[in-house]
Amino acid sequence: MTTAAPTTAALALGDDALVLSHRLGEWMGHAPVLEEEVALANIALDLLGQARVLLSMTGDEDELAYLREERAFRNVQLVEQPNGDFAHTIARQLYFSTYQHLLYGQLASADGPFAGLAAKAVKEVAYHRDHAEQWTLRLGDGTEDSHARMRTACEALWRFTGELFQPVEGLDVDGEALRAGWLESVGAVLRRAGLAVPEGPRSGAWRAGAGRQGLHTESFGRMLAEMQHLHRSHPGASW
């Protein structure tokens, strides 16, 4: 494997974790209940820890997080989507944590540069996935309002999920098995919650998104400005 290959993959996976960590951190002080605020904070910290390890494989983690321009980030567009209401956050988390758990499961069992990280992270992500699944069931099978909100969120975010399964240079995984396992798992959760599974790949709609190529949605620029503001305002500062 070339030197550039794992670097490309580490940057992509690190950006996924970093951006979603920041999005979840935006719930601090705004979560529906205190217990959920703690849970989301813990998930955000797990993701931040993963991001630090992955980004450090490619260079200085602080510079990569706080000094890159928008087009230099390689995260999938799914993780940068705004939190919306709580159902929207849970749908995003269900889609991504299921993917990440399956991905890390493959990487942990392989002899590659990400095996060590994946072996530790897969245990963390198992909790993230379970948390999202339980909330999907509660909201989907809850009140008429919670069901409607969960259905709307799942449908709105579905089109961003196809990008999860696009090949990434240096990421040696079985993409077809990953995609099939994800569809089976997510579909089962949605059906148990009384929610219809959104339509799969048809007319190219499921494959929307080019975040891996540095093309991001409008909301990402605003999020990045907020995330980088302090570091850029006080360059070289230390505590």
C-alpha atoms as a PDB file:
ATOM      1  CA  MET A   1       0.000   0.000   0.000  1.00  0.00           C
ATOM      2  CA  THR A   2       1.342   3.437  -0.898  1.00  0.00           C
ATOM      3  CA  THR A   3       1.996   6.140   1.682  1.00  0.00           C
ATOM      4  CA  ALA A   4      -0.664   8.378   0.159  1.00  0.00           C
ATOM      5  CA  ALA A   5      -3.398   5.761   0.328  1.00  0.00           C
ATOM      6  CA  PRO A   6      -3.810   5.443   4.121  1.00  0.00           C
ATOM      7  CA  THR A   7      -3.394   9.210   4.406  1.00  0.00           C
ATOM      8  CA  THR A   8      -6.360   9.783   2.111  1.00  0.00           C
ATOM      9  CA  ALA A   9      -8.491   7.329   4.058  1.00  0.00           C
ATOM     10  CA  ALA A  10      -7.395   8.656   7.462  1.00  0.00           C
ATOM     11  CA  LEU A  11      -8.319  12.186   6.428  1.00  0.00           C
ATOM     12  CA  ALA A  12     -11.753  11.110   5.208  1.00  0.00           C
ATOM     13  CA  LEU A  13     -12.595   9.075   8.320  1.00  0.00           C
ATOM     14  CA  GLY A  14     -11.087  11.692  10.624  1.00  0.00           C
ATOM     15  CA  ASP A  15     -13.131  14.468   9.062  1.00  0.00           C
ATOM     16  CA  ASP A  16     -16.310  12.379   9.386  1.00  0.00           C
ATOM     17  CA  ALA A  17     -15.706  11.969  13.113  1.00  0.00           C
ATOM     18  CA  LEU A  18     -14.594  15.567  13.694  1.00  0.00           C
ATOM     19  CA  VAL A  19     -17.549  17.190  11.945  1.00  0.00           C
ATOM     20  CA  LEU A  20     -20.171  14.944  13.540  1.00  0.00           C
ATOM     21  CA  SER A  21     -18.551  15.493  16.935  1.00  0.00           C
ATOM     22  CA  HIS A  22     -18.984  19.246  16.510  1.00  0.00           C
ATOM     23  CA  ARG A  23     -22.584  18.870  15.368  1.00  0.00           C
ATOM     24  CA  LEU A  24     -23.442  16.777  18.428  1.00  0.00           C
ATOM     25  CA  GLY A  25     -21.629  19.276  20.646  1.00  0.00           C
ATOM     26  CA  GLU A  26     -24.065  21.917  19.453  1.00  0.00           C
ATOM     27  CA  TRP A  27     -26.727  20.181  21.545  1.00  0.00           C
ATOM     28  CA  MET A  28     -24.988  21.131  24.790  1.00  0.00           C
ATOM     29  CA  GLY A  29     -27.455  23.263  26.733  1.00  0.00           C
ATOM     30  CA  HIS A  30     -30.230  22.456  24.272  1.00  0.00           C
ATOM     31  CA  ALA A  31     -30.932  18.721  24.612  1.00  0.00           C
ATOM     32  CA  PRO A  32     -34.501  17.724  25.573  1.00  0.00           C
ATOM     33  CA  VAL A  33     -33.444  16.218  28.919  1.00  0.00           C
ATOM     34  CA  LEU A  34     -30.278  16.341  31.039  1.00  0.00           C
ATOM     35  CA  GLU A  35     -29.587  12.627  30.646  1.00  0.00           C
ATOM     36  CA  GLU A  36     -29.646  13.000  26.879  1.00  0.00           C
ATOM     37  CA  GLU A  37     -27.319  15.976  27.019  1.00  0.00           C
ATOM     38  CA  VAL A  38     -24.767  13.799  28.820  1.00  0.00           C
ATOM     39  CA  ALA A  39     -25.242  10.948  26.337  1.00  0.00           C
ATOM     40  CA  LEU A  40     -24.742  13.188  23.301  1.00  0.00           C
ATOM     41  CA  ALA A  41     -21.701  14.794  24.921  1.00  0.00           C
ATOM     42  CA  ASN A  42     -20.139  11.381  25.512  1.00  0.00           C
ATOM     43  CA  ILE A  43     -20.749  10.337  21.909  1.00  0.00           C
ATOM     44  CA  ALA A  44     -19.255  13.623  20.708  1.00  0.00           C
ATOM     45  CA  LEU A  45     -16.149  13.041  22.845  1.00  0.00           C
ATOM     46  CA  ASP A  46     -15.751   9.492  21.522  1.00  0.00           C
ATOM     47  CA  LEU A  47     -15.873  10.826  17.971  1.00  0.00           C
ATOM     48  CA  LEU A  48     -13.438  13.604  18.792  1.00  0.00           C
ATOM     49  CA  GLY A  49     -11.002  11.041  20.165  1.00  0.00           C
ATOM     50  CA  GLN A  50     -11.266   9.040  16.952  1.00  0.00           C
ATOM     51  CA  ALA A  51     -10.746  12.201  14.910  1.00  0.00           C
ATOM     52  CA  ARG A  52      -7.576  13.106  16.802  1.00  0.00           C
ATOM     53  CA  VAL A  53      -6.012   9.701  16.148  1.00  0.00           C
ATOM     54  CA  LEU A  54      -6.993   9.665  12.485  1.00  0.00           C
ATOM     55  CA  LEU A  55      -5.956  13.232  11.717  1.00  0.00           C
ATOM     56  CA  SER A  56      -2.633  12.755  13.500  1.00  0.00           C
ATOM     57  CA  MET A  57      -1.880  10.046  10.918  1.00  0.00           C
ATOM     58  CA  THR A  58      -1.864  12.737   8.244  1.00  0.00           C
ATOM     59  CA  GLY A  59      -0.281  15.749   9.993  1.00  0.00           C
ATOM     60  CA  ASP A  60      -0.842  18.176  12.855  1.00  0.00           C
ATOM     61  CA  GLU A  61      -4.354  17.537  14.166  1.00  0.00           C
ATOM     62  CA  ASP A  62      -4.957  21.136  15.296  1.00  0.00           C
ATOM     63  CA  GLU A  63      -3.874  22.641  11.985  1.00  0.00           C
ATOM     64  CA  LEU A  64      -6.006  20.156  10.077  1.00  0.00           C
ATOM     65  CA  ALA A  65      -9.056  20.878  12.212  1.00  0.00           C
ATOM     66  CA  TYR A  66      -8.800  24.644  12.520  1.00  0.00           C
ATOM     67  CA  LEU A  67      -6.795  26.002   9.598  1.00  0.00           C
ATOM     68  CA  ARG A  68      -8.051  24.151   6.533  1.00  0.00           C
ATOM     69  CA  GLU A  69     -10.489  25.791   4.166  1.00  0.00           C
ATOM     70  CA  GLU A  70     -13.891  24.270   3.456  1.00  0.00           C
ATOM     71  CA  ARG A  71     -12.893  22.583   0.181  1.00  0.00           C
ATOM     72  CA  ALA A  72     -10.031  20.742   1.926  1.00  0.00           C
ATOM     73  CA  PHE A  73     -12.375  18.757   4.199  1.00  0.00           C
ATOM     74  CA  ARG A  74     -13.204  15.242   3.038  1.00  0.00           C
ATOM     75  CA  ASN A  75     -16.142  14.284   5.260  1.00  0.00           C
ATOM     76  CA  VAL A  76     -19.333  12.883   3.785  1.00  0.00           C
ATOM     77  CA  GLN A  77     -22.162  15.385   3.531  1.00  0.00           C
ATOM     78  CA  LEU A  78     -24.357  13.356   5.905  1.00  0.00           C
ATOM     79  CA  VAL A  79     -22.386  14.286   9.027  1.00  0.00           C
ATOM     80  CA  GLU A  80     -22.426  18.009   8.282  1.00  0.00           C
ATOM     81  CA  GLN A  81     -26.211  18.257   8.057  1.00  0.00           C
ATOM     82  CA  PRO A  82     -27.688  20.629  10.678  1.00  0.00           C
ATOM     83  CA  ASN A  83     -29.078  19.090  13.847  1.00  0.00           C
ATOM     84  CA  GLY A  84     -32.648  20.183  13.127  1.00  0.00           C
ATOM     85  CA  ASP A  85     -35.038  18.835  15.736  1.00  0.00           C
ATOM     86  CA  PHE A  86     -34.140  15.877  17.952  1.00  0.00           C
ATOM     87  CA  ALA A  87     -35.618  13.363  15.501  1.00  0.00           C
ATOM     88  CA  HIS A  88     -33.401  14.762  12.734  1.00  0.00           C
ATOM     89  CA  THR A  89     -30.308  14.306  14.902  1.00  0.00           C
ATOM     90  CA  ILE A  90     -31.317  10.745  15.762  1.00  0.00           C
ATOM     91  CA  ALA A  91     -31.920   9.799  12.112  1.00  0.00           C
ATOM     92  CA  ARG A  92     -28.502  11.164  11.174  1.00  0.00           C
ATOM     93  CA  GLN A  93     -26.971   9.254  14.059  1.00  0.00           C
ATOM     94  CA  LEU A  94     -28.741   6.021  13.138  1.00  0.00           C
ATOM     95  CA  TYR A  95     -27.511   6.180   9.565  1.00  0.00           C
ATOM     96  CA  PHE A  96     -23.933   7.111  10.398  1.00  0.00           C
ATOM     97  CA  SER A  97     -23.319   5.008  13.516  1.00  0.00           C
ATOM     98  CA  THR A  98     -24.632   1.886  11.766  1.00  0.00           C
ATOM     99  CA  TYR A  99     -22.215   2.529   8.896  1.00  0.00           C
ATOM    100  CA  GLN A 100     -19.308   3.308  11.227  1.00  0.00           C
ATOM    101  CA  HIS A 101     -19.912   0.218  13.361  1.00  0.00           C
ATOM    102  CA  LEU A 102     -19.918  -2.066  10.324  1.00  0.00           C
ATOM    103  CA  LEU A 103     -16.887  -0.285   8.855  1.00  0.00           C
ATOM    104  CA  TYR A 104     -14.808  -0.513  12.021  1.00  0.00           C
ATOM    105  CA  GLY A 105     -15.832  -4.140  12.408  1.00  0.00           C
ATOM    106  CA  GLN A 106     -14.245  -4.899   9.036  1.00  0.00           C
ATOM    107  CA  LEU A 107     -11.152  -2.791   9.730  1.00  0.00           C
ATOM    108  CA  ALA A 108     -10.610  -4.335  13.171  1.00  0.00           C
ATOM    109  CA  SER A 109     -10.506  -7.831  11.708  1.00  0.00           C
ATOM    110  CA  ALA A 110      -8.017  -6.888   8.975  1.00  0.00           C
ATOM    111  CA  ASP A 111      -4.256  -6.459   9.172  1.00  0.00           C
ATOM    112  CA  GLY A 112      -4.036  -2.829   8.138  1.00  0.00           C
ATOM    113  CA  PRO A 113      -3.090   0.642   9.380  1.00  0.00           C
ATOM    114  CA  PHE A 114      -6.502   1.214  10.961  1.00  0.00           C
ATOM    115  CA  ALA A 115      -6.842  -2.114  12.782  1.00  0.00           C
ATOM    116  CA  GLY A 116      -5.706  -0.802  16.187  1.00  0.00           C
ATOM    117  CA  LEU A 117      -7.958   2.237  16.134  1.00  0.00           C
ATOM    118  CA  ALA A 118     -10.903   0.225  14.830  1.00  0.00           C
ATOM    119  CA  ALA A 119     -10.579  -2.451  17.516  1.00  0.00           C
ATOM    120  CA  LYS A 120     -11.027   0.200  20.208  1.00  0.00           C
ATOM    121  CA  ALA A 121     -13.496   2.410  18.366  1.00  0.00           C
ATOM    122  CA  VAL A 122     -15.856  -0.404  17.383  1.00  0.00           C
ATOM    123  CA  LYS A 123     -16.731  -0.836  21.062  1.00  0.00           C
ATOM    124  CA  GLU A 124     -17.540   2.862  21.408  1.00  0.00           C
ATOM    125  CA  VAL A 125     -19.558   2.929  18.219  1.00  0.00           C
ATOM    126  CA  ALA A 126     -21.580  -0.094  19.333  1.00  0.00           C
ATOM    127  CA  TYR A 127     -22.982   2.180  22.060  1.00  0.00           C
ATOM    128  CA  HIS A 128     -23.576   5.015  19.580  1.00  0.00           C
ATOM    129  CA  ARG A 129     -25.502   2.635  17.345  1.00  0.00           C
ATOM    130  CA  ASP A 130     -27.578   1.193  20.176  1.00  0.00           C
ATOM    131  CA  HIS A 131     -28.388   4.685  21.434  1.00  0.00           C
ATOM    132  CA  ALA A 132     -29.627   5.750  17.999  1.00  0.00           C
ATOM    133  CA  GLU A 133     -31.611   2.565  17.487  1.00  0.00           C
ATOM    134  CA  GLN A 134     -33.380   2.850  20.838  1.00  0.00           C
ATOM    135  CA  TRP A 135     -34.356   6.469  20.192  1.00  0.00           C
ATOM    136  CA  THR A 136     -35.546   5.623  16.682  1.00  0.00           C
ATOM    137  CA  LEU A 137     -37.855   2.993  18.163  1.00  0.00           C
ATOM    138  CA  ARG A 138     -39.115   5.351  20.875  1.00  0.00           C
ATOM    139  CA  LEU A 139     -39.826   8.184  18.479  1.00  0.00           C
ATOM    140  CA  GLY A 140     -41.141   6.103  15.594  1.00  0.00           C
ATOM    141  CA  ASP A 141     -43.449   4.072  17.804  1.00  0.00           C
ATOM    142  CA  GLY A 142     -44.348   6.997  20.089  1.00  0.00           C
ATOM    143  CA  THR A 143     -46.847   9.783  19.674  1.00  0.00           C
ATOM    144  CA  GLU A 144     -48.347  10.846  16.387  1.00  0.00           C
ATOM    145  CA  ASP A 145     -46.109  13.909  16.419  1.00  0.00           C
ATOM    146  CA  SER A 146     -42.885  12.015  17.206  1.00  0.00           C
ATOM    147  CA  HIS A 147     -43.691   9.450  14.515  1.00  0.00           C
ATOM    148  CA  ALA A 148     -44.253  12.175  11.925  1.00  0.00           C
ATOM    149  CA  ARG A 149     -41.038  13.972  12.877  1.00  0.00           C
ATOM    150  CA  MET A 150     -39.005  10.762  12.722  1.00  0.00           C
ATOM    151  CA  ARG A 151     -40.474   9.837   9.351  1.00  0.00           C
ATOM    152  CA  THR A 152     -39.699  13.287   7.953  1.00  0.00           C
ATOM    153  CA  ALA A 153     -36.123  13.157   9.252  1.00  0.00           C
ATOM    154  CA  CYS A 154     -35.425   9.691   7.849  1.00  0.00           C
ATOM    155  CA  GLU A 155     -36.724  10.671   4.437  1.00  0.00           C
ATOM    156  CA  ALA A 156     -34.842  13.986   4.368  1.00  0.00           C
ATOM    157  CA  LEU A 157     -31.461  12.458   5.215  1.00  0.00           C
ATOM    158  CA  TRP A 158     -31.753   9.273   3.174  1.00  0.00           C
ATOM    159  CA  ARG A 159     -30.375  10.827   0.001  1.00  0.00           C
ATOM    160  CA  PHE A 160     -27.058  11.589   1.729  1.00  0.00           C
ATOM    161  CA  THR A 161     -26.397   7.979   2.750  1.00  0.00           C
ATOM    162  CA  GLY A 162     -25.274   6.651  -0.631  1.00  0.00           C
ATOM    163  CA  GLU A 163     -22.014   8.558  -0.313  1.00  0.00           C
ATOM    164  CA  LEU A 164     -21.059   6.385   2.662  1.00  0.00           C
ATOM    165  CA  PHE A 165     -20.374   3.482   0.321  1.00  0.00           C
ATOM    166  CA  GLN A 166     -18.301   5.216  -2.312  1.00  0.00           C
ATOM    167  CA  PRO A 167     -14.729   3.820  -2.513  1.00  0.00           C
ATOM    168  CA  VAL A 168     -12.050   5.712  -0.575  1.00  0.00           C
ATOM    169  CA  GLU A 169      -8.407   5.364  -1.580  1.00  0.00           C
ATOM    170  CA  GLY A 170      -6.539   3.369   1.042  1.00  0.00           C
ATOM    171  CA  LEU A 171      -9.667   2.016   2.740  1.00  0.00           C
ATOM    172  CA  ASP A 172      -9.506  -1.732   2.186  1.00  0.00           C
ATOM    173  CA  VAL A 173     -13.045  -2.886   2.912  1.00  0.00           C
ATOM    174  CA  ASP A 174     -15.718  -4.976   1.220  1.00  0.00           C
ATOM    175  CA  GLY A 175     -17.937  -2.135   0.046  1.00  0.00           C
ATOM    176  CA  GLU A 176     -20.751  -4.358  -1.183  1.00  0.00           C
ATOM    177  CA  ALA A 177     -20.924  -6.241   2.121  1.00  0.00           C
ATOM    178  CA  LEU A 178     -20.854  -2.930   3.976  1.00  0.00           C
ATOM    179  CA  ARG A 179     -23.699  -1.538   1.908  1.00  0.00           C
ATOM    180  CA  ALA A 180     -25.796  -4.712   2.169  1.00  0.00           C
ATOM    181  CA  GLY A 181     -25.291  -4.975   5.925  1.00  0.00           C
ATOM    182  CA  TRP A 182     -26.199  -1.321   6.390  1.00  0.00           C
ATOM    183  CA  LEU A 183     -29.400  -1.579   4.353  1.00  0.00           C
ATOM    184  CA  GLU A 184     -30.445  -4.716   6.214  1.00  0.00           C
ATOM    185  CA  SER A 185     -29.733  -3.281   9.664  1.00  0.00           C
ATOM    186  CA  VAL A 186     -31.202   0.190   9.138  1.00  0.00           C
ATOM    187  CA  GLY A 187     -34.218  -1.256   7.352  1.00  0.00           C
ATOM    188  CA  ALA A 188     -34.904  -3.622  10.238  1.00  0.00           C
ATOM    189  CA  VAL A 189     -34.777  -0.805  12.799  1.00  0.00           C
ATOM    190  CA  LEU A 190     -37.068   1.437  10.766  1.00  0.00           C
ATOM    191  CA  ARG A 191     -39.617  -1.331  10.272  1.00  0.00           C
ATOM    192  CA  ARG A 192     -39.616  -2.136  13.985  1.00  0.00           C
ATOM    193  CA  ALA A 193     -40.259   1.548  14.643  1.00  0.00           C
ATOM    194  CA  GLY A 194     -43.244   1.510  12.282  1.00  0.00           C
ATOM    195  CA  LEU A 195     -41.419   3.675   9.745  1.00  0.00           C
ATOM    196  CA  ALA A 196     -41.275   3.078   6.019  1.00  0.00           C
ATOM    197  CA  VAL A 197     -37.830   2.469   4.569  1.00  0.00           C
ATOM    198  CA  PRO A 198     -37.122   5.278   2.067  1.00  0.00           C
ATOM    199  CA  GLU A 199     -36.614   4.209  -1.532  1.00  0.00           C
ATOM    200  CA  GLY A 200     -33.165   2.888  -2.354  1.00  0.00           C
ATOM    201  CA  PRO A 201     -30.890   3.867  -5.220  1.00  0.00           C
ATOM    202  CA  ARG A 202     -33.070   4.963  -8.109  1.00  0.00           C
ATOM    203  CA  SER A 203     -32.308   7.526 -10.799  1.00  0.00           C
ATOM    204  CA  GLY A 204     -29.057   8.294  -8.975  1.00  0.00           C
ATOM    205  CA  ALA A 205     -30.847  10.081  -6.111  1.00  0.00           C
ATOM    206  CA  TRP A 206     -29.399   7.814  -3.427  1.00  0.00           C
ATOM    207  CA  ARG A 207     -25.846   8.671  -4.461  1.00  0.00           C
ATOM    208  CA  ALA A 208     -26.140  12.411  -3.943  1.00  0.00           C
ATOM    209  CA  GLY A 209     -23.205  14.093  -2.232  1.00  0.00           C
ATOM    210  CA  ALA A 210     -19.573  14.757  -3.051  1.00  0.00           C
ATOM    211  CA  GLY A 211     -18.128  15.597   0.341  1.00  0.00           C
ATOM    212  CA  ARG A 212     -15.238  13.190  -0.237  1.00  0.00           C
ATOM    213  CA  GLN A 213     -14.238  15.444  -3.148  1.00  0.00           C
ATOM    214  CA  GLY A 214     -14.429  18.596  -1.019  1.00  0.00           C
ATOM    215  CA  LEU A 215     -17.877  19.719  -2.158  1.00  0.00           C
ATOM    216  CA  HIS A 216     -20.087  20.541   0.806  1.00  0.00           C
ATOM    217  CA  THR A 217     -23.549  21.834   1.568  1.00  0.00           C
ATOM    218  CA  GLU A 218     -24.248  25.461   2.452  1.00  0.00           C
ATOM    219  CA  SER A 219     -24.632  24.786   6.174  1.00  0.00           C
ATOM    220  CA  PHE A 220     -21.106  23.362   6.417  1.00  0.00           C
ATOM    221  CA  GLY A 221     -19.438  26.718   5.760  1.00  0.00           C
ATOM    222  CA  ARG A 222     -21.296  28.320   8.652  1.00  0.00           C
ATOM    223  CA  MET A 223     -20.489  25.416  10.957  1.00  0.00           C
ATOM    224  CA  LEU A 224     -16.807  25.527  10.019  1.00  0.00           C
ATOM    225  CA  ALA A 225     -16.591  29.275  10.674  1.00  0.00           C
ATOM    226  CA  GLU A 226     -17.959  28.730  14.158  1.00  0.00           C
ATOM    227  CA  MET A 227     -15.689  25.750  14.854  1.00  0.00           C
ATOM    228  CA  GLN A 228     -12.530  27.558  13.716  1.00  0.00           C
ATOM    229  CA  HIS A 229     -13.291  31.040  15.021  1.00  0.00           C
ATOM    230  CA  LEU A 230     -11.399  30.924  18.325  1.00  0.00           C
ATOM    231  CA  HIS A 231      -8.271  29.299  16.921  1.00  0.00           C
ATOM    232  CA  ARG A 232      -8.089  31.675  13.966  1.00  0.00           C
ATOM    233  CA  SER A 233      -8.729  34.716  16.184  1.00  0.00           C
ATOM    234  CA  HIS A 234      -5.848  33.845  18.525  1.00  0.00           C
ATOM    235  CA  PRO A 235      -3.206  32.020  16.438  1.00  0.00           C
ATOM    236  CA  GLY A 236      -0.497  30.352  18.478  1.00  0.00           C
ATOM    237  CA  ALA A 237      -2.303  30.913  21.771  1.00  0.00           C
ATOM    238  CA  SER A 238      -1.848  28.336  24.552  1.00  0.00           C
ATOM    239  CA  TRP A 239      -3.512  27.807  27.899  1.00  0.00           C
END
